[in-house]
Every structure is written in C-alpha cells, then in structure tokens.
Amino acid sequence: AADEILPHRLDIRVGKIVEVSKHPDADALYVEKIDVGDKEPRTIVSGLVQYVPIEEMQGRSVLVLCNLKPAKMRGIESCGMVLCASLEEGDVKKVEPLNPPSECAAGERVFVEGYETGSPDDVLNPKKKIWDKLQVDLKTSSTCEAQWQSNPLVTKFGNVTCKSLKNAPIK
C-alpha cells in the first residue's frame, strides 16, 4: 500500500510569493522566494515569464508542490514547483497559476477531496515517476476548478481554481 500512486503522496501547499525576479541567465525563468510555511521561504524557479507579468507574480498566493526532488535550473536550485493550468489553443499557449481561496495562509496543505488522510512522501522518488503518474489526471474542470480524476483540490476555505482556463492540464 505504501507504493500506491495516490494523491495524498503529494505535498501541495499554499505559498505566498514574497519576492520575484528574472533569472540572471535565462530570459524565460522567474526566480521566486515563496513562503510555504517553513522557517525560510523556498527558492523556486518557474518558466512563467512569457505567460504571467512579474507584477502579477509579486505577492500572490499560489499552489506549490513541495516534495519534488530539488533540481538546478540554469544554475539556481529550485525546491518545488508552482502548479499552473496550461492550455494550447492553436499556436497560443496560455498558462495560469492556480489560485487558492484568498483566506488561506501560507503553508496550508491542499488535498484532493477523498484523499485527506495519509502522509505525503518526504521527497517524491523521481525514479518511481510518482508525480508524472498523478499529474496526468490533474486538470481544471469546465468551471475552472482544479481536480484530480474529477475530485476537487480543496482547502479548509474551499476549492482551488484558476482564472479562465477550462479543461486544462495542470502541471
């Protein structure tokens, strides 16, 4: 049962972006400092420059996948991932960070409804492809609500949404 690929293994938390800047060596990447409830904000690198203006990133609340194995992106270690809905319409790719309810505090856990019990892995083993296998079933609904296999992503203050992308993969 410990090896079951179920969404409680993902450590998804509400994060508050406290600082954001462009990556010094990569035009398409932001370097964010995000408060996810740990002692210090985490450094996370996201390829969102072409999709989200920097002023929309600063200070916003986002969903962060916190237990990915840290990875260097153009020389800066990224300790997590900002979850976004992403849709390609013709030649145009649209990307929107997921929005937790505004009442949520940084560090609050986000669950898939029905999978609130069970502990997340300390670190998702990249060899076992746990994130890849769960990610294929994460998408927004026709009402822009974030879901895994049609079960909503929930916080104690309500569901997670995105601004406008419907039936869009979340990655």
N, C-alpha and C. Protein backbone atom coordinates (compact mmCIF):
# COMPACT_ATOMS: atom_id res chain seq x y z
N ALA A 1 0.83 -1.21 0.00
CA ALA A 1 0.00 0.00 0.00
C ALA A 1 0.86 1.26 0.00
N ALA A 2 2.07 1.16 0.59
CA ALA A 2 2.95 2.33 0.63
C ALA A 2 3.36 2.78 -0.77
N ASP A 3 3.31 1.83 -1.71
CA ASP A 3 3.71 2.17 -3.07
C ASP A 3 2.55 2.61 -3.96
N GLU A 4 1.35 2.66 -3.40
CA GLU A 4 0.21 3.07 -4.22
C GLU A 4 0.41 4.50 -4.70
N ILE A 5 0.08 4.70 -5.97
CA ILE A 5 0.24 6.03 -6.55
C ILE A 5 -1.06 6.81 -6.33
N LEU A 6 -1.16 7.44 -5.17
CA LEU A 6 -2.37 8.19 -4.82
C LEU A 6 -2.00 9.61 -4.42
N PRO A 7 -2.95 10.56 -4.58
CA PRO A 7 -2.57 11.97 -4.45
C PRO A 7 -2.17 12.43 -3.05
N HIS A 8 -2.47 11.64 -2.00
CA HIS A 8 -2.01 12.09 -0.68
C HIS A 8 -0.49 12.11 -0.58
N ARG A 9 0.19 11.47 -1.52
CA ARG A 9 1.65 11.44 -1.50
C ARG A 9 2.26 12.78 -1.95
N LEU A 10 1.44 13.63 -2.55
CA LEU A 10 1.92 14.94 -2.99
C LEU A 10 1.81 15.93 -1.83
N ASP A 11 2.89 16.63 -1.55
CA ASP A 11 2.87 17.68 -0.52
C ASP A 11 2.59 19.01 -1.23
N ILE A 12 1.29 19.29 -1.40
CA ILE A 12 0.87 20.53 -2.07
C ILE A 12 0.46 21.52 -0.99
N ARG A 13 1.05 22.71 -1.04
CA ARG A 13 0.74 23.72 -0.03
C ARG A 13 0.45 25.06 -0.69
N VAL A 14 -0.27 25.88 0.05
CA VAL A 14 -0.46 27.26 -0.36
C VAL A 14 0.86 27.99 -0.12
N GLY A 15 1.30 28.73 -1.12
CA GLY A 15 2.52 29.51 -1.00
C GLY A 15 2.24 30.97 -1.29
N LYS A 16 2.95 31.84 -0.60
CA LYS A 16 2.83 33.28 -0.85
C LYS A 16 4.17 33.75 -1.41
N ILE A 17 4.12 34.32 -2.61
CA ILE A 17 5.35 34.78 -3.25
C ILE A 17 5.80 36.07 -2.57
N VAL A 18 6.93 36.02 -1.87
CA VAL A 18 7.40 37.20 -1.15
C VAL A 18 8.39 38.01 -1.98
N GLU A 19 8.96 37.38 -2.98
CA GLU A 19 9.94 38.08 -3.82
C GLU A 19 9.99 37.37 -5.16
N VAL A 20 10.11 38.13 -6.24
CA VAL A 20 10.23 37.51 -7.56
C VAL A 20 11.16 38.35 -8.41
N SER A 21 12.03 37.67 -9.15
CA SER A 21 12.94 38.39 -10.05
C SER A 21 13.17 37.52 -11.27
N LYS A 22 13.70 38.13 -12.33
CA LYS A 22 14.04 37.34 -13.51
C LYS A 22 15.34 36.58 -13.23
N HIS A 23 15.41 35.37 -13.74
CA HIS A 23 16.63 34.56 -13.61
C HIS A 23 17.77 35.30 -14.33
N PRO A 24 18.93 35.44 -13.68
CA PRO A 24 20.02 36.21 -14.32
C PRO A 24 20.53 35.60 -15.63
N ASP A 25 20.35 34.29 -15.81
CA ASP A 25 20.91 33.63 -17.00
C ASP A 25 19.86 33.00 -17.91
N ALA A 26 18.58 33.30 -17.68
CA ALA A 26 17.54 32.67 -18.50
C ALA A 26 16.33 33.60 -18.60
N ASP A 27 16.09 34.09 -19.81
CA ASP A 27 15.02 35.08 -20.02
C ASP A 27 13.63 34.56 -19.69
N ALA A 28 13.41 33.25 -19.84
CA ALA A 28 12.05 32.71 -19.68
C ALA A 28 11.72 32.33 -18.24
N LEU A 29 12.71 32.45 -17.33
CA LEU A 29 12.52 31.93 -15.97
C LEU A 29 12.43 33.04 -14.94
N TYR A 30 11.49 32.87 -14.00
CA TYR A 30 11.47 33.67 -12.79
C TYR A 30 12.15 32.89 -11.67
N VAL A 31 12.77 33.63 -10.76
CA VAL A 31 13.25 33.05 -9.51
C VAL A 31 12.38 33.65 -8.41
N GLU A 32 11.63 32.80 -7.73
CA GLU A 32 10.71 33.27 -6.68
C GLU A 32 11.20 32.82 -5.32
N LYS A 33 10.97 33.66 -4.34
CA LYS A 33 11.09 33.23 -2.94
C LYS A 33 9.65 33.09 -2.46
N ILE A 34 9.28 31.87 -2.03
CA ILE A 34 7.89 31.58 -1.70
C ILE A 34 7.80 31.06 -0.27
N ASP A 35 6.94 31.70 0.51
CA ASP A 35 6.66 31.24 1.88
C ASP A 35 5.67 30.09 1.78
N VAL A 36 6.13 28.88 2.17
CA VAL A 36 5.24 27.71 2.18
C VAL A 36 5.07 27.18 3.60
N GLY A 37 5.34 28.06 4.58
CA GLY A 37 5.14 27.67 5.97
C GLY A 37 6.37 27.09 6.65
N ASP A 38 7.48 26.98 5.91
CA ASP A 38 8.74 26.54 6.53
C ASP A 38 9.38 27.73 7.24
N LYS A 39 10.52 27.47 7.92
CA LYS A 39 11.21 28.58 8.62
C LYS A 39 11.61 29.68 7.65
N GLU A 40 12.12 29.28 6.50
CA GLU A 40 12.59 30.24 5.49
C GLU A 40 11.76 30.07 4.22
N PRO A 41 11.60 31.15 3.45
CA PRO A 41 10.96 30.98 2.13
C PRO A 41 11.80 30.05 1.25
N ARG A 42 11.14 29.35 0.35
CA ARG A 42 11.85 28.46 -0.58
C ARG A 42 12.15 29.21 -1.87
N THR A 43 13.28 28.86 -2.45
CA THR A 43 13.59 29.36 -3.79
C THR A 43 13.00 28.38 -4.81
N ILE A 44 12.20 28.94 -5.71
CA ILE A 44 11.57 28.12 -6.75
C ILE A 44 11.75 28.83 -8.09
N VAL A 45 12.14 28.07 -9.09
CA VAL A 45 12.35 28.61 -10.43
C VAL A 45 11.19 28.16 -11.31
N SER A 46 10.56 29.12 -12.00
CA SER A 46 9.38 28.81 -12.83
C SER A 46 9.53 29.44 -14.21
N GLY A 47 9.14 28.68 -15.23
CA GLY A 47 9.21 29.18 -16.60
C GLY A 47 7.95 29.94 -16.99
N LEU A 48 7.67 31.02 -16.28
CA LEU A 48 6.39 31.71 -16.47
C LEU A 48 6.52 33.12 -17.06
N VAL A 49 7.75 33.54 -17.38
CA VAL A 49 7.97 34.92 -17.81
C VAL A 49 7.08 35.29 -19.00
N GLN A 50 6.95 34.37 -19.97
CA GLN A 50 6.18 34.68 -21.18
C GLN A 50 4.67 34.69 -20.93
N TYR A 51 4.24 34.17 -19.78
CA TYR A 51 2.80 33.96 -19.57
C TYR A 51 2.21 34.82 -18.46
N VAL A 52 3.00 35.18 -17.47
CA VAL A 52 2.47 35.91 -16.31
C VAL A 52 3.38 37.11 -16.05
N PRO A 53 2.83 38.34 -16.11
CA PRO A 53 3.67 39.51 -15.83
C PRO A 53 4.22 39.46 -14.40
N ILE A 54 5.42 40.02 -14.23
CA ILE A 54 6.10 39.94 -12.94
C ILE A 54 5.26 40.58 -11.83
N GLU A 55 4.53 41.65 -12.16
CA GLU A 55 3.73 42.31 -11.12
C GLU A 55 2.54 41.44 -10.68
N GLU A 56 2.12 40.52 -11.54
CA GLU A 56 1.05 39.59 -11.13
C GLU A 56 1.60 38.45 -10.26
N MET A 57 2.89 38.23 -10.35
CA MET A 57 3.51 37.18 -9.52
C MET A 57 3.79 37.71 -8.11
N GLN A 58 4.25 38.94 -8.02
CA GLN A 58 4.67 39.52 -6.74
C GLN A 58 3.51 39.52 -5.75
N GLY A 59 3.72 38.88 -4.60
CA GLY A 59 2.73 38.94 -3.53
C GLY A 59 1.55 38.00 -3.68
N ARG A 60 1.45 37.28 -4.79
CA ARG A 60 0.26 36.45 -5.00
C ARG A 60 0.37 35.13 -4.25
N SER A 61 -0.78 34.55 -3.97
CA SER A 61 -0.83 33.21 -3.39
C SER A 61 -0.93 32.19 -4.52
N VAL A 62 -0.17 31.12 -4.39
CA VAL A 62 -0.10 30.09 -5.42
C VAL A 62 -0.15 28.72 -4.76
N LEU A 63 -0.22 27.67 -5.59
CA LEU A 63 -0.09 26.30 -5.09
C LEU A 63 1.31 25.81 -5.41
N VAL A 64 1.98 25.25 -4.40
CA VAL A 64 3.34 24.78 -4.59
C VAL A 64 3.40 23.29 -4.29
N LEU A 65 3.95 22.54 -5.25
CA LEU A 65 4.28 21.13 -4.99
C LEU A 65 5.63 21.14 -4.29
N CYS A 66 5.63 20.77 -3.00
CA CYS A 66 6.80 20.99 -2.13
C CYS A 66 7.73 19.80 -2.02
N ASN A 67 7.31 18.60 -2.46
CA ASN A 67 8.18 17.45 -2.22
C ASN A 67 8.78 16.84 -3.48
N LEU A 68 8.93 17.67 -4.51
CA LEU A 68 9.76 17.25 -5.64
C LEU A 68 11.21 17.25 -5.20
N LYS A 69 12.03 16.40 -5.82
CA LYS A 69 13.46 16.44 -5.54
C LYS A 69 14.00 17.78 -6.07
N PRO A 70 14.75 18.53 -5.25
CA PRO A 70 15.29 19.81 -5.74
C PRO A 70 16.10 19.60 -7.02
N ALA A 71 15.99 20.56 -7.95
CA ALA A 71 16.67 20.44 -9.23
C ALA A 71 17.25 21.79 -9.61
N LYS A 72 18.45 21.77 -10.20
CA LYS A 72 19.06 23.02 -10.65
C LYS A 72 18.44 23.42 -11.98
N MET A 73 18.04 24.67 -12.08
CA MET A 73 17.54 25.20 -13.35
C MET A 73 18.43 26.38 -13.73
N ARG A 74 19.27 26.16 -14.72
CA ARG A 74 20.23 27.17 -15.16
C ARG A 74 21.04 27.70 -13.98
N GLY A 75 21.51 26.78 -13.13
CA GLY A 75 22.43 27.15 -12.07
C GLY A 75 21.80 27.53 -10.74
N ILE A 76 20.47 27.67 -10.70
CA ILE A 76 19.80 28.01 -9.43
C ILE A 76 18.94 26.83 -9.01
N GLU A 77 19.13 26.39 -7.76
CA GLU A 77 18.37 25.23 -7.29
C GLU A 77 16.93 25.61 -7.01
N SER A 78 16.01 24.84 -7.60
CA SER A 78 14.58 25.05 -7.41
C SER A 78 14.05 23.98 -6.47
N CYS A 79 13.42 24.42 -5.38
CA CYS A 79 12.95 23.49 -4.34
C CYS A 79 11.43 23.42 -4.35
N GLY A 80 10.88 23.02 -5.49
CA GLY A 80 9.43 22.91 -5.60
C GLY A 80 8.96 23.43 -6.94
N MET A 81 7.64 23.45 -7.12
CA MET A 81 7.07 23.85 -8.39
C MET A 81 5.75 24.57 -8.16
N VAL A 82 5.57 25.69 -8.86
CA VAL A 82 4.29 26.40 -8.82
C VAL A 82 3.34 25.69 -9.79
N LEU A 83 2.19 25.24 -9.28
CA LEU A 83 1.24 24.50 -10.13
C LEU A 83 0.39 25.47 -10.94
N CYS A 84 0.28 25.17 -12.24
CA CYS A 84 -0.43 26.05 -13.17
C CYS A 84 -1.32 25.22 -14.08
N ALA A 85 -2.41 25.83 -14.51
CA ALA A 85 -3.21 25.28 -15.60
C ALA A 85 -2.58 25.76 -16.90
N SER A 86 -2.55 24.89 -17.90
CA SER A 86 -1.84 25.21 -19.13
C SER A 86 -2.62 24.67 -20.32
N LEU A 87 -2.86 25.52 -21.30
CA LEU A 87 -3.69 25.11 -22.44
C LEU A 87 -3.09 25.67 -23.71
N GLU A 88 -3.00 24.83 -24.73
CA GLU A 88 -2.54 25.32 -26.03
C GLU A 88 -3.74 25.40 -26.96
N GLU A 89 -3.97 26.62 -27.47
CA GLU A 89 -5.06 26.83 -28.42
C GLU A 89 -4.42 27.28 -29.72
N GLY A 90 -4.36 26.38 -30.70
CA GLY A 90 -3.64 26.70 -31.92
C GLY A 90 -2.18 26.90 -31.60
N ASP A 91 -1.64 28.06 -32.00
CA ASP A 91 -0.23 28.35 -31.73
C ASP A 91 -0.03 29.07 -30.40
N VAL A 92 -1.13 29.35 -29.71
CA VAL A 92 -1.04 30.15 -28.49
C VAL A 92 -1.09 29.25 -27.27
N LYS A 93 -0.08 29.39 -26.41
CA LYS A 93 -0.08 28.65 -25.15
C LYS A 93 -0.46 29.62 -24.05
N LYS A 94 -1.44 29.23 -23.25
CA LYS A 94 -1.86 30.05 -22.11
C LYS A 94 -1.53 29.31 -20.82
N VAL A 95 -1.03 30.03 -19.85
CA VAL A 95 -0.67 29.43 -18.56
C VAL A 95 -1.18 30.33 -17.45
N GLU A 96 -1.88 29.73 -16.49
CA GLU A 96 -2.38 30.48 -15.34
C GLU A 96 -2.03 29.73 -14.05
N PRO A 97 -1.35 30.41 -13.11
CA PRO A 97 -1.13 29.77 -11.81
C PRO A 97 -2.47 29.47 -11.14
N LEU A 98 -2.54 28.35 -10.42
CA LEU A 98 -3.76 28.01 -9.68
C LEU A 98 -3.92 28.97 -8.50
N ASN A 99 -5.17 29.27 -8.18
CA ASN A 99 -5.48 30.21 -7.10
C ASN A 99 -6.12 29.50 -5.93
N PRO A 100 -5.47 29.52 -4.75
CA PRO A 100 -6.15 29.05 -3.55
C PRO A 100 -7.14 30.12 -3.09
N PRO A 101 -8.15 29.74 -2.28
CA PRO A 101 -9.03 30.76 -1.72
C PRO A 101 -8.22 31.83 -0.98
N SER A 102 -8.69 33.08 -1.05
CA SER A 102 -7.90 34.19 -0.51
C SER A 102 -7.68 34.10 1.00
N GLU A 103 -8.54 33.35 1.71
CA GLU A 103 -8.40 33.25 3.18
C GLU A 103 -7.25 32.33 3.60
N CYS A 104 -6.72 31.54 2.67
CA CYS A 104 -5.71 30.55 3.03
C CYS A 104 -4.39 31.21 3.42
N ALA A 105 -3.78 30.67 4.47
CA ALA A 105 -2.47 31.14 4.91
C ALA A 105 -1.37 30.35 4.21
N ALA A 106 -0.20 30.95 4.10
CA ALA A 106 0.96 30.26 3.54
C ALA A 106 1.25 29.01 4.36
N GLY A 107 1.52 27.92 3.67
CA GLY A 107 1.84 26.66 4.34
C GLY A 107 0.65 25.74 4.52
N GLU A 108 -0.56 26.25 4.27
CA GLU A 108 -1.74 25.38 4.43
C GLU A 108 -1.71 24.26 3.39
N ARG A 109 -1.98 23.03 3.85
CA ARG A 109 -2.00 21.88 2.94
C ARG A 109 -3.22 21.95 2.02
N VAL A 110 -3.01 21.49 0.81
CA VAL A 110 -4.09 21.36 -0.17
C VAL A 110 -4.25 19.87 -0.44
N PHE A 111 -5.49 19.41 -0.39
CA PHE A 111 -5.77 17.98 -0.55
C PHE A 111 -6.64 17.75 -1.78
N VAL A 112 -6.59 16.52 -2.29
CA VAL A 112 -7.60 16.07 -3.23
C VAL A 112 -8.74 15.51 -2.39
N GLU A 113 -9.96 15.99 -2.64
CA GLU A 113 -11.11 15.55 -1.85
C GLU A 113 -11.20 14.02 -1.89
N GLY A 114 -11.37 13.43 -0.70
CA GLY A 114 -11.42 11.97 -0.62
C GLY A 114 -10.08 11.34 -0.31
N TYR A 115 -9.01 12.14 -0.35
CA TYR A 115 -7.66 11.63 -0.07
C TYR A 115 -6.98 12.49 0.99
N GLU A 116 -7.78 12.89 2.01
CA GLU A 116 -7.24 13.79 3.03
C GLU A 116 -6.35 13.08 4.04
N THR A 117 -6.46 11.75 4.13
CA THR A 117 -5.64 11.01 5.09
C THR A 117 -4.41 10.46 4.38
N GLY A 118 -3.44 10.05 5.17
CA GLY A 118 -2.19 9.57 4.58
C GLY A 118 -1.20 10.71 4.52
N SER A 119 0.08 10.36 4.69
CA SER A 119 1.11 11.40 4.72
C SER A 119 1.80 11.50 3.37
N PRO A 120 2.20 12.72 3.01
CA PRO A 120 2.97 12.86 1.77
C PRO A 120 4.36 12.25 1.92
N ASP A 121 4.94 11.85 0.81
CA ASP A 121 6.33 11.40 0.81
C ASP A 121 7.21 12.57 1.24
N ASP A 122 8.33 12.28 1.92
CA ASP A 122 9.28 13.36 2.23
C ASP A 122 9.79 13.97 0.92
N VAL A 123 10.22 13.09 0.03
CA VAL A 123 10.64 13.51 -1.31
C VAL A 123 10.09 12.48 -2.28
N LEU A 124 9.46 12.94 -3.35
CA LEU A 124 8.95 12.02 -4.37
C LEU A 124 10.15 11.43 -5.12
N ASN A 125 10.23 10.12 -5.14
CA ASN A 125 11.35 9.45 -5.80
C ASN A 125 11.20 9.61 -7.32
N PRO A 126 12.15 10.36 -7.95
CA PRO A 126 11.98 10.60 -9.39
C PRO A 126 11.99 9.31 -10.20
N LYS A 127 12.70 8.29 -9.72
CA LYS A 127 12.76 7.02 -10.47
C LYS A 127 11.40 6.34 -10.52
N LYS A 128 10.58 6.58 -9.50
CA LYS A 128 9.26 5.91 -9.47
C LYS A 128 8.19 6.70 -10.22
N LYS A 129 8.56 7.92 -10.67
CA LYS A 129 7.66 8.73 -11.51
C LYS A 129 6.29 8.98 -10.86
N ILE A 130 6.29 9.18 -9.55
CA ILE A 130 5.01 9.35 -8.84
C ILE A 130 4.29 10.61 -9.32
N TRP A 131 5.03 11.71 -9.41
CA TRP A 131 4.41 12.96 -9.87
C TRP A 131 3.90 12.79 -11.30
N ASP A 132 4.71 12.20 -12.19
CA ASP A 132 4.29 12.03 -13.58
C ASP A 132 2.99 11.24 -13.67
N LYS A 133 2.89 10.19 -12.86
CA LYS A 133 1.71 9.32 -12.94
C LYS A 133 0.47 10.00 -12.38
N LEU A 134 0.64 10.83 -11.35
CA LEU A 134 -0.51 11.55 -10.79
C LEU A 134 -0.87 12.76 -11.64
N GLN A 135 0.14 13.40 -12.21
CA GLN A 135 -0.08 14.65 -12.95
C GLN A 135 -1.00 14.46 -14.15
N VAL A 136 -0.95 13.28 -14.79
CA VAL A 136 -1.78 13.07 -15.99
C VAL A 136 -3.27 13.23 -15.69
N ASP A 137 -3.68 13.02 -14.43
CA ASP A 137 -5.10 13.12 -14.08
C ASP A 137 -5.46 14.45 -13.41
N LEU A 138 -4.51 15.38 -13.36
CA LEU A 138 -4.79 16.70 -12.79
C LEU A 138 -5.21 17.64 -13.90
N LYS A 139 -6.41 18.20 -13.79
CA LYS A 139 -6.80 19.21 -14.76
C LYS A 139 -7.91 20.08 -14.19
N THR A 140 -8.18 21.17 -14.89
CA THR A 140 -9.27 22.03 -14.45
C THR A 140 -10.57 21.52 -15.06
N SER A 141 -11.67 21.84 -14.40
CA SER A 141 -12.99 21.42 -14.87
C SER A 141 -13.55 22.46 -15.84
N SER A 142 -14.77 22.23 -16.29
CA SER A 142 -15.43 23.20 -17.17
C SER A 142 -15.78 24.49 -16.42
N THR A 143 -15.65 24.46 -15.08
CA THR A 143 -15.89 25.68 -14.29
C THR A 143 -14.58 26.20 -13.68
N CYS A 144 -13.45 25.80 -14.26
CA CYS A 144 -12.11 26.29 -13.85
C CYS A 144 -11.69 25.83 -12.46
N GLU A 145 -12.30 24.75 -11.95
CA GLU A 145 -11.87 24.22 -10.65
C GLU A 145 -10.80 23.16 -10.87
N ALA A 146 -9.76 23.20 -10.03
CA ALA A 146 -8.67 22.23 -10.13
C ALA A 146 -9.16 20.88 -9.60
N GLN A 147 -8.84 19.80 -10.34
CA GLN A 147 -9.33 18.47 -9.97
C GLN A 147 -8.28 17.40 -10.26
N TRP A 148 -8.40 16.28 -9.54
CA TRP A 148 -7.65 15.06 -9.87
C TRP A 148 -8.69 13.96 -10.05
N GLN A 149 -8.73 13.38 -11.24
CA GLN A 149 -9.76 12.38 -11.56
C GLN A 149 -11.15 12.85 -11.12
N SER A 150 -11.47 14.08 -11.44
CA SER A 150 -12.78 14.70 -11.13
C SER A 150 -13.03 14.99 -9.65
N ASN A 151 -12.05 14.73 -8.77
CA ASN A 151 -12.18 15.11 -7.36
C ASN A 151 -11.52 16.47 -7.17
N PRO A 152 -12.22 17.44 -6.56
CA PRO A 152 -11.65 18.78 -6.45
C PRO A 152 -10.44 18.85 -5.52
N LEU A 153 -9.54 19.78 -5.82
CA LEU A 153 -8.46 20.14 -4.90
C LEU A 153 -9.05 21.12 -3.90
N VAL A 154 -8.94 20.78 -2.62
CA VAL A 154 -9.66 21.53 -1.58
C VAL A 154 -8.71 22.04 -0.50
N THR A 155 -9.14 23.16 0.10
CA THR A 155 -8.52 23.70 1.31
C THR A 155 -9.63 23.83 2.33
N LYS A 156 -9.27 24.22 3.55
CA LYS A 156 -10.34 24.36 4.54
C LYS A 156 -11.24 25.56 4.23
N PHE A 157 -10.82 26.40 3.29
CA PHE A 157 -11.66 27.54 2.91
C PHE A 157 -12.31 27.37 1.54
N GLY A 158 -12.26 26.17 0.98
CA GLY A 158 -12.92 25.97 -0.30
C GLY A 158 -11.98 25.43 -1.36
N ASN A 159 -12.47 25.45 -2.60
CA ASN A 159 -11.78 24.78 -3.69
C ASN A 159 -10.74 25.69 -4.35
N VAL A 160 -9.82 25.04 -5.03
CA VAL A 160 -8.77 25.72 -5.78
C VAL A 160 -9.27 25.93 -7.21
N THR A 161 -9.00 27.11 -7.77
CA THR A 161 -9.48 27.44 -9.11
C THR A 161 -8.34 28.06 -9.93
N CYS A 162 -8.63 28.30 -11.21
CA CYS A 162 -7.77 29.17 -11.99
C CYS A 162 -8.66 30.24 -12.61
N LYS A 163 -8.04 31.25 -13.22
CA LYS A 163 -8.82 32.40 -13.66
C LYS A 163 -9.79 32.06 -14.78
N SER A 164 -9.29 31.40 -15.85
CA SER A 164 -10.17 31.25 -17.01
C SER A 164 -9.98 29.98 -17.83
N LEU A 165 -8.97 29.17 -17.54
CA LEU A 165 -8.69 28.01 -18.40
C LEU A 165 -9.53 26.81 -17.99
N LYS A 166 -10.38 26.35 -18.92
CA LYS A 166 -11.28 25.22 -18.65
C LYS A 166 -10.71 23.94 -19.26
N ASN A 167 -10.92 22.82 -18.55
CA ASN A 167 -10.47 21.51 -19.04
C ASN A 167 -9.00 21.54 -19.46
N ALA A 168 -8.20 22.21 -18.63
CA ALA A 168 -6.78 22.40 -18.95
C ALA A 168 -5.92 21.52 -18.05
N PRO A 169 -4.91 20.87 -18.62
CA PRO A 169 -3.98 20.10 -17.78
C PRO A 169 -3.31 21.01 -16.76
N ILE A 170 -3.04 20.43 -15.59
CA ILE A 170 -2.33 21.14 -14.52
C ILE A 170 -0.93 20.54 -14.44
N LYS A 171 0.07 21.42 -14.52
CA LYS A 171 1.44 20.92 -14.41
C LYS A 171 2.35 21.98 -13.84
